[in-house]
Amino acid sequence: MRYRLTFITGVAVGYVLGARAGRERYEQLRKSAQRVSQNPAVRNTAEAAAHSGREAAGKAFDAVSAKLGDRLPDSVSERVQSLREQRNATEDDWGTSNT
């Protein structure tokens, strides 16, 4: 009950502070978030993280499928295969730079 009360209090305080800040502050925060998300360094870092995640997921799938063998459900195998085919068909160098 204590955590629920703390959460509700936090929501109320956030609402009041947000209402006082107004639309201008909201627009200012939104524009700064857009600038950060459109920064080439941020985009490259996000792309590199996504690429690393895809590689790790592929390695994990290979390790699991080697241990499980044919016990892996066909639906999982088919889905992974289709995702690999899509990724290979649409791979390009967009978003990579030397920055």
PDB file of N, CA and C in Angstrom:
ATOM      1  N   MET A   1       0.823  -1.182   0.000  1.00  0.00           N
ATOM      2  CA  MET A   1       0.000   0.000   0.000  1.00  0.00           C
ATOM      3  C   MET A   1       0.872   1.253   0.000  1.00  0.00           C
ATOM      4  N   ARG A   2       2.000   1.178   0.702  1.00  0.00           N
ATOM      5  CA  ARG A   2       2.881   2.332   0.792  1.00  0.00           C
ATOM      6  C   ARG A   2       3.425   2.705  -0.588  1.00  0.00           C
ATOM      7  N   TYR A   3       3.774   1.685  -1.401  1.00  0.00           N
ATOM      8  CA  TYR A   3       4.319   1.941  -2.728  1.00  0.00           C
ATOM      9  C   TYR A   3       3.262   2.536  -3.649  1.00  0.00           C
ATOM     10  N   ARG A   4       2.043   2.069  -3.513  1.00  0.00           N
ATOM     11  CA  ARG A   4       0.958   2.601  -4.325  1.00  0.00           C
ATOM     12  C   ARG A   4       0.719   4.067  -3.999  1.00  0.00           C
ATOM     13  N   LEU A   5       0.735   4.398  -2.729  1.00  0.00           N
ATOM     14  CA  LEU A   5       0.545   5.782  -2.311  1.00  0.00           C
ATOM     15  C   LEU A   5       1.694   6.658  -2.809  1.00  0.00           C
ATOM     16  N   THR A   6       2.902   6.138  -2.754  1.00  0.00           N
ATOM     17  CA  THR A   6       4.066   6.878  -3.249  1.00  0.00           C
ATOM     18  C   THR A   6       3.943   7.105  -4.755  1.00  0.00           C
ATOM     19  N   PHE A   7       3.513   6.100  -5.481  1.00  0.00           N
ATOM     20  CA  PHE A   7       3.344   6.229  -6.919  1.00  0.00           C
ATOM     21  C   PHE A   7       2.291   7.282  -7.253  1.00  0.00           C
ATOM     22  N   ILE A   8       1.154   7.214  -6.591  1.00  0.00           N
ATOM     23  CA  ILE A   8       0.070   8.175  -6.845  1.00  0.00           C
ATOM     24  C   ILE A   8       0.529   9.589  -6.511  1.00  0.00           C
ATOM     25  N   THR A   9       1.275   9.745  -5.427  1.00  0.00           N
ATOM     26  CA  THR A   9       1.804  11.053  -5.066  1.00  0.00           C
ATOM     27  C   THR A   9       2.766  11.556  -6.145  1.00  0.00           C
ATOM     28  N   GLY A  10       3.606  10.683  -6.647  1.00  0.00           N
ATOM     29  CA  GLY A  10       4.538  11.062  -7.705  1.00  0.00           C
ATOM     30  C   GLY A  10       3.824  11.493  -8.974  1.00  0.00           C
ATOM     31  N   VAL A  11       2.775  10.772  -9.331  1.00  0.00           N
ATOM     32  CA  VAL A  11       1.992  11.141 -10.517  1.00  0.00           C
ATOM     33  C   VAL A  11       1.357  12.512 -10.316  1.00  0.00           C
ATOM     34  N   ALA A  12       0.809  12.747  -9.146  1.00  0.00           N
ATOM     35  CA  ALA A  12       0.165  14.036  -8.871  1.00  0.00           C
ATOM     36  C   ALA A  12       1.169  15.178  -8.924  1.00  0.00           C
ATOM     37  N   VAL A  13       2.337  14.977  -8.325  1.00  0.00           N
ATOM     38  CA  VAL A  13       3.368  16.022  -8.334  1.00  0.00           C
ATOM     39  C   VAL A  13       3.846  16.263  -9.764  1.00  0.00           C
ATOM     40  N   GLY A  14       4.054  15.208 -10.528  1.00  0.00           N
ATOM     41  CA  GLY A  14       4.462  15.359 -11.922  1.00  0.00           C
ATOM     42  C   GLY A  14       3.431  16.103 -12.744  1.00  0.00           C
ATOM     43  N   TYR A  15       2.162  15.816 -12.496  1.00  0.00           N
ATOM     44  CA  TYR A  15       1.098  16.499 -13.229  1.00  0.00           C
ATOM     45  C   TYR A  15       1.090  17.989 -12.913  1.00  0.00           C
ATOM     46  N   VAL A  16       1.200  18.320 -11.635  1.00  0.00           N
ATOM     47  CA  VAL A  16       1.180  19.727 -11.233  1.00  0.00           C
ATOM     48  C   VAL A  16       2.382  20.470 -11.808  1.00  0.00           C
ATOM     49  N   LEU A  17       3.563  19.870 -11.692  1.00  0.00           N
ATOM     50  CA  LEU A  17       4.754  20.525 -12.224  1.00  0.00           C
ATOM     51  C   LEU A  17       4.686  20.642 -13.744  1.00  0.00           C
ATOM     52  N   GLY A  18       4.156  19.633 -14.401  1.00  0.00           N
ATOM     53  CA  GLY A  18       4.016  19.692 -15.848  1.00  0.00           C
ATOM     54  C   GLY A  18       3.024  20.757 -16.277  1.00  0.00           C
ATOM     55  N   ALA A  19       1.956  20.895 -15.541  1.00  0.00           N
ATOM     56  CA  ALA A  19       0.953  21.904 -15.867  1.00  0.00           C
ATOM     57  C   ALA A  19       1.520  23.308 -15.661  1.00  0.00           C
ATOM     58  N   ARG A  20       2.351  23.469 -14.661  1.00  0.00           N
ATOM     59  CA  ARG A  20       2.952  24.784 -14.412  1.00  0.00           C
ATOM     60  C   ARG A  20       3.993  25.124 -15.477  1.00  0.00           C
ATOM     61  N   ALA A  21       4.702  24.115 -15.954  1.00  0.00           N
ATOM     62  CA  ALA A  21       5.721  24.377 -16.960  1.00  0.00           C
ATOM     63  C   ALA A  21       5.076  24.860 -18.259  1.00  0.00           C
ATOM     64  N   GLY A  22       3.937  24.298 -18.589  1.00  0.00           N
ATOM     65  CA  GLY A  22       3.181  24.764 -19.739  1.00  0.00           C
ATOM     66  C   GLY A  22       3.644  24.201 -21.059  1.00  0.00           C
ATOM     67  N   ARG A  23       2.944  24.641 -22.075  1.00  0.00           N
ATOM     68  CA  ARG A  23       3.168  24.162 -23.435  1.00  0.00           C
ATOM     69  C   ARG A  23       4.532  24.587 -23.976  1.00  0.00           C
ATOM     70  N   GLU A  24       4.981  25.776 -23.613  1.00  0.00           N
ATOM     71  CA  GLU A  24       6.262  26.279 -24.120  1.00  0.00           C
ATOM     72  C   GLU A  24       7.415  25.369 -23.695  1.00  0.00           C
ATOM     73  N   ARG A  25       7.411  24.983 -22.433  1.00  0.00           N
ATOM     74  CA  ARG A  25       8.477  24.109 -21.938  1.00  0.00           C
ATOM     75  C   ARG A  25       8.396  22.737 -22.603  1.00  0.00           C
ATOM     76  N   TYR A  26       7.174  22.249 -22.824  1.00  0.00           N
ATOM     77  CA  TYR A  26       6.989  20.974 -23.509  1.00  0.00           C
ATOM     78  C   TYR A  26       7.583  21.035 -24.909  1.00  0.00           C
ATOM     79  N   GLU A  27       7.277  22.099 -25.644  1.00  0.00           N
ATOM     80  CA  GLU A  27       7.814  22.251 -27.001  1.00  0.00           C
ATOM     81  C   GLU A  27       9.338  22.348 -26.977  1.00  0.00           C
ATOM     82  N   GLN A  28       9.887  23.036 -25.990  1.00  0.00           N
ATOM     83  CA  GLN A  28      11.335  23.163 -25.866  1.00  0.00           C
ATOM     84  C   GLN A  28      11.966  21.785 -25.637  1.00  0.00           C
ATOM     85  N   LEU A  29      11.403  20.980 -24.758  1.00  0.00           N
ATOM     86  CA  LEU A  29      11.914  19.639 -24.492  1.00  0.00           C
ATOM     87  C   LEU A  29      11.782  18.742 -25.721  1.00  0.00           C
ATOM     88  N   ARG A  30      10.678  18.871 -26.435  1.00  0.00           N
ATOM     89  CA  ARG A  30      10.454  18.066 -27.623  1.00  0.00           C
ATOM     90  C   ARG A  30      11.471  18.394 -28.708  1.00  0.00           C
ATOM     91  N   LYS A  31      11.742  19.667 -28.914  1.00  0.00           N
ATOM     92  CA  LYS A  31      12.710  20.075 -29.937  1.00  0.00           C
ATOM     93  C   LYS A  31      14.121  19.624 -29.577  1.00  0.00           C
ATOM     94  N   SER A  32      14.468  19.702 -28.305  1.00  0.00           N
ATOM     95  CA  SER A  32      15.809  19.257 -27.917  1.00  0.00           C
ATOM     96  C   SER A  32      15.936  17.739 -28.062  1.00  0.00           C
ATOM     97  N   ALA A  33      14.881  17.004 -27.784  1.00  0.00           N
ATOM     98  CA  ALA A  33      14.905  15.552 -27.972  1.00  0.00           C
ATOM     99  C   ALA A  33      15.036  15.211 -29.454  1.00  0.00           C
ATOM    100  N   GLN A  34      14.386  15.967 -30.317  1.00  0.00           N
ATOM    101  CA  GLN A  34      14.509  15.738 -31.759  1.00  0.00           C
ATOM    102  C   GLN A  34      15.933  16.013 -32.235  1.00  0.00           C
ATOM    103  N   ARG A  35      16.546  17.082 -31.728  1.00  0.00           N
ATOM    104  CA  ARG A  35      17.924  17.396 -32.118  1.00  0.00           C
ATOM    105  C   ARG A  35      18.871  16.277 -31.715  1.00  0.00           C
ATOM    106  N   VAL A  36      18.673  15.747 -30.528  1.00  0.00           N
ATOM    107  CA  VAL A  36      19.530  14.654 -30.063  1.00  0.00           C
ATOM    108  C   VAL A  36      19.318  13.423 -30.931  1.00  0.00           C
ATOM    109  N   SER A  37      18.074  13.089 -31.234  1.00  0.00           N
ATOM    110  CA  SER A  37      17.796  11.880 -32.011  1.00  0.00           C
ATOM    111  C   SER A  37      18.263  12.003 -33.455  1.00  0.00           C
ATOM    112  N   GLN A  38      18.382  13.215 -33.979  1.00  0.00           N
ATOM    113  CA  GLN A  38      18.825  13.406 -35.354  1.00  0.00           C
ATOM    114  C   GLN A  38      20.332  13.623 -35.460  1.00  0.00           C
ATOM    115  N   ASN A  39      21.020  13.638 -34.341  1.00  0.00           N
ATOM    116  CA  ASN A  39      22.460  13.802 -34.334  1.00  0.00           C
ATOM    117  C   ASN A  39      23.101  12.572 -34.988  1.00  0.00           C
ATOM    118  N   PRO A  40      24.003  12.768 -35.961  1.00  0.00           N
ATOM    119  CA  PRO A  40      24.611  11.619 -36.641  1.00  0.00           C
ATOM    120  C   PRO A  40      25.358  10.676 -35.694  1.00  0.00           C
ATOM    121  N   ALA A  41      26.006  11.208 -34.683  1.00  0.00           N
ATOM    122  CA  ALA A  41      26.725  10.343 -33.745  1.00  0.00           C
ATOM    123  C   ALA A  41      25.752   9.451 -32.973  1.00  0.00           C
ATOM    124  N   VAL A  42      24.624  10.003 -32.579  1.00  0.00           N
ATOM    125  CA  VAL A  42      23.620   9.230 -31.854  1.00  0.00           C
ATOM    126  C   VAL A  42      23.019   8.173 -32.768  1.00  0.00           C
ATOM    127  N   ARG A  43      22.739   8.554 -33.993  1.00  0.00           N
ATOM    128  CA  ARG A  43      22.161   7.594 -34.948  1.00  0.00           C
ATOM    129  C   ARG A  43      23.132   6.450 -35.228  1.00  0.00           C
ATOM    130  N   ASN A  44      24.423   6.788 -35.400  1.00  0.00           N
ATOM    131  CA  ASN A  44      25.422   5.751 -35.655  1.00  0.00           C
ATOM    132  C   ASN A  44      25.571   4.816 -34.465  1.00  0.00           C
ATOM    133  N   THR A  45      25.549   5.389 -33.271  1.00  0.00           N
ATOM    134  CA  THR A  45      25.652   4.566 -32.064  1.00  0.00           C
ATOM    135  C   THR A  45      24.450   3.642 -31.939  1.00  0.00           C
ATOM    136  N   ALA A  46      23.268   4.159 -32.221  1.00  0.00           N
ATOM    137  CA  ALA A  46      22.053   3.336 -32.159  1.00  0.00           C
ATOM    138  C   ALA A  46      22.103   2.229 -33.206  1.00  0.00           C
ATOM    139  N   GLU A  47      22.582   2.549 -34.394  1.00  0.00           N
ATOM    140  CA  GLU A  47      22.696   1.539 -35.450  1.00  0.00           C
ATOM    141  C   GLU A  47      23.716   0.473 -35.074  1.00  0.00           C
ATOM    142  N   ALA A  48      24.835   0.901 -34.485  1.00  0.00           N
ATOM    143  CA  ALA A  48      25.855  -0.062 -34.065  1.00  0.00           C
ATOM    144  C   ALA A  48      25.314  -0.975 -32.965  1.00  0.00           C
ATOM    145  N   ALA A  49      24.549  -0.401 -32.035  1.00  0.00           N
ATOM    146  CA  ALA A  49      23.962  -1.205 -30.964  1.00  0.00           C
ATOM    147  C   ALA A  49      22.950  -2.202 -31.532  1.00  0.00           C
ATOM    148  N   ALA A  50      22.165  -1.762 -32.498  1.00  0.00           N
ATOM    149  CA  ALA A  50      21.188  -2.668 -33.121  1.00  0.00           C
ATOM    150  C   ALA A  50      21.899  -3.788 -33.867  1.00  0.00           C
ATOM    151  N   HIS A  51      22.970  -3.441 -34.553  1.00  0.00           N
ATOM    152  CA  HIS A  51      23.736  -4.455 -35.292  1.00  0.00           C
ATOM    153  C   HIS A  51      24.345  -5.467 -34.321  1.00  0.00           C
ATOM    154  N   SER A  52      24.908  -4.977 -33.222  1.00  0.00           N
ATOM    155  CA  SER A  52      25.484  -5.880 -32.221  1.00  0.00           C
ATOM    156  C   SER A  52      24.414  -6.780 -31.614  1.00  0.00           C
ATOM    157  N   GLY A  53      23.245  -6.218 -31.389  1.00  0.00           N
ATOM    158  CA  GLY A  53      22.140  -7.002 -30.857  1.00  0.00           C
ATOM    159  C   GLY A  53      21.698  -8.095 -31.805  1.00  0.00           C
ATOM    160  N   ARG A  54      21.641  -7.753 -33.106  1.00  0.00           N
ATOM    161  CA  ARG A  54      21.264  -8.767 -34.098  1.00  0.00           C
ATOM    162  C   ARG A  54      22.308  -9.880 -34.159  1.00  0.00           C
ATOM    163  N   GLU A  55      23.587  -9.500 -34.095  1.00  0.00           N
ATOM    164  CA  GLU A  55      24.647 -10.516 -34.112  1.00  0.00           C
ATOM    165  C   GLU A  55      24.561 -11.420 -32.884  1.00  0.00           C
ATOM    166  N   ALA A  56      24.351 -10.809 -31.714  1.00  0.00           N
ATOM    167  CA  ALA A  56      24.254 -11.589 -30.479  1.00  0.00           C
ATOM    168  C   ALA A  56      23.039 -12.519 -30.524  1.00  0.00           C
ATOM    169  N   ALA A  57      21.929 -12.017 -31.058  1.00  0.00           N
ATOM    170  CA  ALA A  57      20.731 -12.852 -31.155  1.00  0.00           C
ATOM    171  C   ALA A  57      20.963 -14.025 -32.107  1.00  0.00           C
ATOM    172  N   GLY A  58      21.669 -13.770 -33.198  1.00  0.00           N
ATOM    173  CA  GLY A  58      21.977 -14.851 -34.137  1.00  0.00           C
ATOM    174  C   GLY A  58      22.866 -15.905 -33.509  1.00  0.00           C
ATOM    175  N   LYS A  59      23.886 -15.455 -32.765  1.00  0.00           N
ATOM    176  CA  LYS A  59      24.774 -16.401 -32.085  1.00  0.00           C
ATOM    177  C   LYS A  59      24.018 -17.199 -31.029  1.00  0.00           C
ATOM    178  N   ALA A  60      23.140 -16.514 -30.302  1.00  0.00           N
ATOM    179  CA  ALA A  60      22.358 -17.199 -29.275  1.00  0.00           C
ATOM    180  C   ALA A  60      21.432 -18.238 -29.904  1.00  0.00           C
ATOM    181  N   PHE A  61      20.808 -17.871 -31.022  1.00  0.00           N
ATOM    182  CA  PHE A  61      19.934 -18.826 -31.693  1.00  0.00           C
ATOM    183  C   PHE A  61      20.720 -20.039 -32.168  1.00  0.00           C
ATOM    184  N   ASP A  62      21.903 -19.783 -32.741  1.00  0.00           N
ATOM    185  CA  ASP A  62      22.729 -20.902 -33.203  1.00  0.00           C
ATOM    186  C   ASP A  62      23.121 -21.816 -32.046  1.00  0.00           C
ATOM    187  N   ALA A  63      23.492 -21.213 -30.896  1.00  0.00           N
ATOM    188  CA  ALA A  63      23.890 -22.016 -29.739  1.00  0.00           C
ATOM    189  C   ALA A  63      22.715 -22.823 -29.196  1.00  0.00           C
ATOM    190  N   VAL A  64      21.561 -22.189 -29.109  1.00  0.00           N
ATOM    191  CA  VAL A  64      20.376 -22.877 -28.585  1.00  0.00           C
ATOM    192  C   VAL A  64      19.924 -23.962 -29.546  1.00  0.00           C
ATOM    193  N   SER A  65      19.909 -23.649 -30.831  1.00  0.00           N
ATOM    194  CA  SER A  65      19.449 -24.659 -31.789  1.00  0.00           C
ATOM    195  C   SER A  65      20.431 -25.830 -31.877  1.00  0.00           C
ATOM    196  N   ALA A  66      21.718 -25.569 -31.628  1.00  0.00           N
ATOM    197  CA  ALA A  66      22.685 -26.675 -31.624  1.00  0.00           C
ATOM    198  C   ALA A  66      22.436 -27.602 -30.428  1.00  0.00           C
ATOM    199  N   LYS A  67      22.044 -27.027 -29.299  1.00  0.00           N
ATOM    200  CA  LYS A  67      21.785 -27.853 -28.115  1.00  0.00           C
ATOM    201  C   LYS A  67      20.429 -28.538 -28.184  1.00  0.00           C
ATOM    202  N   LEU A  68      19.442 -27.833 -28.732  1.00  0.00           N
ATOM    203  CA  LEU A  68      18.092 -28.404 -28.775  1.00  0.00           C
ATOM    204  C   LEU A  68      17.880 -29.301 -29.986  1.00  0.00           C
ATOM    205  N   GLY A  69      18.601 -29.024 -31.043  1.00  0.00           N
ATOM    206  CA  GLY A  69      18.458 -29.838 -32.251  1.00  0.00           C
ATOM    207  C   GLY A  69      17.082 -29.695 -32.862  1.00  0.00           C
ATOM    208  N   ASP A  70      16.424 -30.811 -33.075  1.00  0.00           N
ATOM    209  CA  ASP A  70      15.115 -30.808 -33.720  1.00  0.00           C
ATOM    210  C   ASP A  70      13.976 -30.516 -32.759  1.00  0.00           C
ATOM    211  N   ARG A  71      14.267 -30.314 -31.497  1.00  0.00           N
ATOM    212  CA  ARG A  71      13.202 -30.052 -30.530  1.00  0.00           C
ATOM    213  C   ARG A  71      12.712 -28.607 -30.582  1.00  0.00           C
ATOM    214  N   LEU A  72      13.392 -27.735 -31.345  1.00  0.00           N
ATOM    215  CA  LEU A  72      12.970 -26.353 -31.493  1.00  0.00           C
ATOM    216  C   LEU A  72      11.695 -26.323 -32.333  1.00  0.00           C
ATOM    217  N   PRO A  73      10.659 -25.612 -31.879  1.00  0.00           N
ATOM    218  CA  PRO A  73       9.404 -25.579 -32.643  1.00  0.00           C
ATOM    219  C   PRO A  73       9.617 -25.056 -34.061  1.00  0.00           C
ATOM    220  N   ASP A  74       8.878 -25.621 -35.002  1.00  0.00           N
ATOM    221  CA  ASP A  74       8.999 -25.218 -36.397  1.00  0.00           C
ATOM    222  C   ASP A  74       8.650 -23.748 -36.589  1.00  0.00           C
ATOM    223  N   SER A  75       7.680 -23.251 -35.826  1.00  0.00           N
ATOM    224  CA  SER A  75       7.277 -21.853 -35.985  1.00  0.00           C
ATOM    225  C   SER A  75       8.432 -20.913 -35.656  1.00  0.00           C
ATOM    226  N   VAL A  76       9.226 -21.254 -34.645  1.00  0.00           N
ATOM    227  CA  VAL A  76      10.376 -20.427 -34.277  1.00  0.00           C
ATOM    228  C   VAL A  76      11.435 -20.485 -35.364  1.00  0.00           C
ATOM    229  N   SER A  77      11.717 -21.659 -35.843  1.00  0.00           N
ATOM    230  CA  SER A  77      12.716 -21.822 -36.900  1.00  0.00           C
ATOM    231  C   SER A  77      12.316 -21.064 -38.161  1.00  0.00           C
ATOM    232  N   GLU A  78      11.053 -21.163 -38.528  1.00  0.00           N
ATOM    233  CA  GLU A  78      10.571 -20.478 -39.729  1.00  0.00           C
ATOM    234  C   GLU A  78      10.652 -18.964 -39.567  1.00  0.00           C
ATOM    235  N   ARG A  79      10.298 -18.477 -38.391  1.00  0.00           N
ATOM    236  CA  ARG A  79      10.327 -17.028 -38.146  1.00  0.00           C
ATOM    237  C   ARG A  79      11.759 -16.501 -38.204  1.00  0.00           C
ATOM    238  N   VAL A  80      12.681 -17.200 -37.597  1.00  0.00           N
ATOM    239  CA  VAL A  80      14.080 -16.778 -37.617  1.00  0.00           C
ATOM    240  C   VAL A  80      14.612 -16.799 -39.044  1.00  0.00           C
ATOM    241  N   GLN A  81      14.278 -17.824 -39.778  1.00  0.00           N
ATOM    242  CA  GLN A  81      14.731 -17.918 -41.169  1.00  0.00           C
ATOM    243  C   GLN A  81      14.196 -16.759 -41.992  1.00  0.00           C
ATOM    244  N   SER A  82      12.920 -16.418 -41.823  1.00  0.00           N
ATOM    245  CA  SER A  82      12.338 -15.323 -42.605  1.00  0.00           C
ATOM    246  C   SER A  82      12.975 -13.987 -42.220  1.00  0.00           C
ATOM    247  N   LEU A  83      13.276 -13.804 -40.932  1.00  0.00           N
ATOM    248  CA  LEU A  83      13.930 -12.566 -40.510  1.00  0.00           C
ATOM    249  C   LEU A  83      15.335 -12.456 -41.078  1.00  0.00           C
ATOM    250  N   ARG A  84      16.053 -13.572 -41.118  1.00  0.00           N
ATOM    251  CA  ARG A  84      17.402 -13.554 -41.700  1.00  0.00           C
ATOM    252  C   ARG A  84      17.351 -13.224 -43.185  1.00  0.00           C
ATOM    253  N   GLU A  85      16.382 -13.771 -43.896  1.00  0.00           N
ATOM    254  CA  GLU A  85      16.255 -13.491 -45.322  1.00  0.00           C
ATOM    255  C   GLU A  85      15.915 -12.025 -45.561  1.00  0.00           C
ATOM    256  N   GLN A  86      15.023 -11.466 -44.756  1.00  0.00           N
ATOM    257  CA  GLN A  86      14.665 -10.055 -44.890  1.00  0.00           C
ATOM    258  C   GLN A  86      15.869  -9.162 -44.622  1.00  0.00           C
ATOM    259  N   ARG A  87      16.612  -9.470 -43.585  1.00  0.00           N
ATOM    260  CA  ARG A  87      17.766  -8.651 -43.214  1.00  0.00           C
ATOM    261  C   ARG A  87      18.820  -8.686 -44.308  1.00  0.00           C
ATOM    262  N   ASN A  88      19.090  -9.840 -44.863  1.00  0.00           N
ATOM    263  CA  ASN A  88      20.099  -9.958 -45.911  1.00  0.00           C
ATOM    264  C   ASN A  88      19.667  -9.261 -47.193  1.00  0.00           C
ATOM    265  N   ALA A  89      18.378  -9.247 -47.465  1.00  0.00           N
ATOM    266  CA  ALA A  89      17.883  -8.629 -48.688  1.00  0.00           C
ATOM    267  C   ALA A  89      17.922  -7.103 -48.611  1.00  0.00           C
ATOM    268  N   THR A  90      17.807  -6.543 -47.406  1.00  0.00           N
ATOM    269  CA  THR A  90      17.716  -5.086 -47.280  1.00  0.00           C
ATOM    270  C   THR A  90      18.937  -4.463 -46.636  1.00  0.00           C
ATOM    271  N   GLU A  91      20.017  -5.185 -46.471  1.00  0.00           N
ATOM    272  CA  GLU A  91      21.207  -4.609 -45.857  1.00  0.00           C
ATOM    273  C   GLU A  91      21.832  -3.577 -46.774  1.00  0.00           C
ATOM    274  N   ASP A  92      22.194  -2.446 -46.184  1.00  0.00           N
ATOM    275  CA  ASP A  92      22.903  -1.420 -46.917  1.00  0.00           C
ATOM    276  C   ASP A  92      23.778  -0.652 -45.930  1.00  0.00           C
ATOM    277  N   ASP A  93      24.489   0.321 -46.420  1.00  0.00           N
ATOM    278  CA  ASP A  93      25.413   1.081 -45.573  1.00  0.00           C
ATOM    279  C   ASP A  93      24.809   2.371 -45.064  1.00  0.00           C
ATOM    280  N   TRP A  94      23.501   2.503 -45.108  1.00  0.00           N
ATOM    281  CA  TRP A  94      22.861   3.725 -44.639  1.00  0.00           C
ATOM    282  C   TRP A  94      23.105   3.885 -43.158  1.00  0.00           C
ATOM    283  N   GLY A  95      23.445   5.085 -42.753  1.00  0.00           N
ATOM    284  CA  GLY A  95      23.618   5.368 -41.335  1.00  0.00           C
ATOM    285  C   GLY A  95      25.015   5.152 -40.826  1.00  0.00           C
ATOM    286  N   THR A  96      25.919   4.656 -41.652  1.00  0.00           N
ATOM    287  CA  THR A  96      27.276   4.465 -41.186  1.00  0.00           C
ATOM    288  C   THR A  96      28.132   5.605 -41.693  1.00  0.00           C
ATOM    289  N   SER A  97      29.022   6.069 -40.840  1.00  0.00           N
ATOM    290  CA  SER A  97      29.939   7.127 -41.229  1.00  0.00           C
ATOM    291  C   SER A  97      31.205   6.992 -40.402  1.00  0.00           C
ATOM    292  N   ASN A  98      32.125   7.853 -40.630  1.00  0.00           N
ATOM    293  CA  ASN A  98      33.396   7.825 -39.924  1.00  0.00           C
ATOM    294  C   ASN A  98      33.439   8.788 -38.757  1.00  0.00           C
ATOM    295  N   THR A  99      32.291   9.261 -38.292  1.00  0.00           N
ATOM    296  CA  THR A  99      32.285  10.217 -37.181  1.00  0.00           C
ATOM    297  C   THR A  99      32.295   9.523 -35.864  1.00  0.00           C
TER     298      THR A  99
END
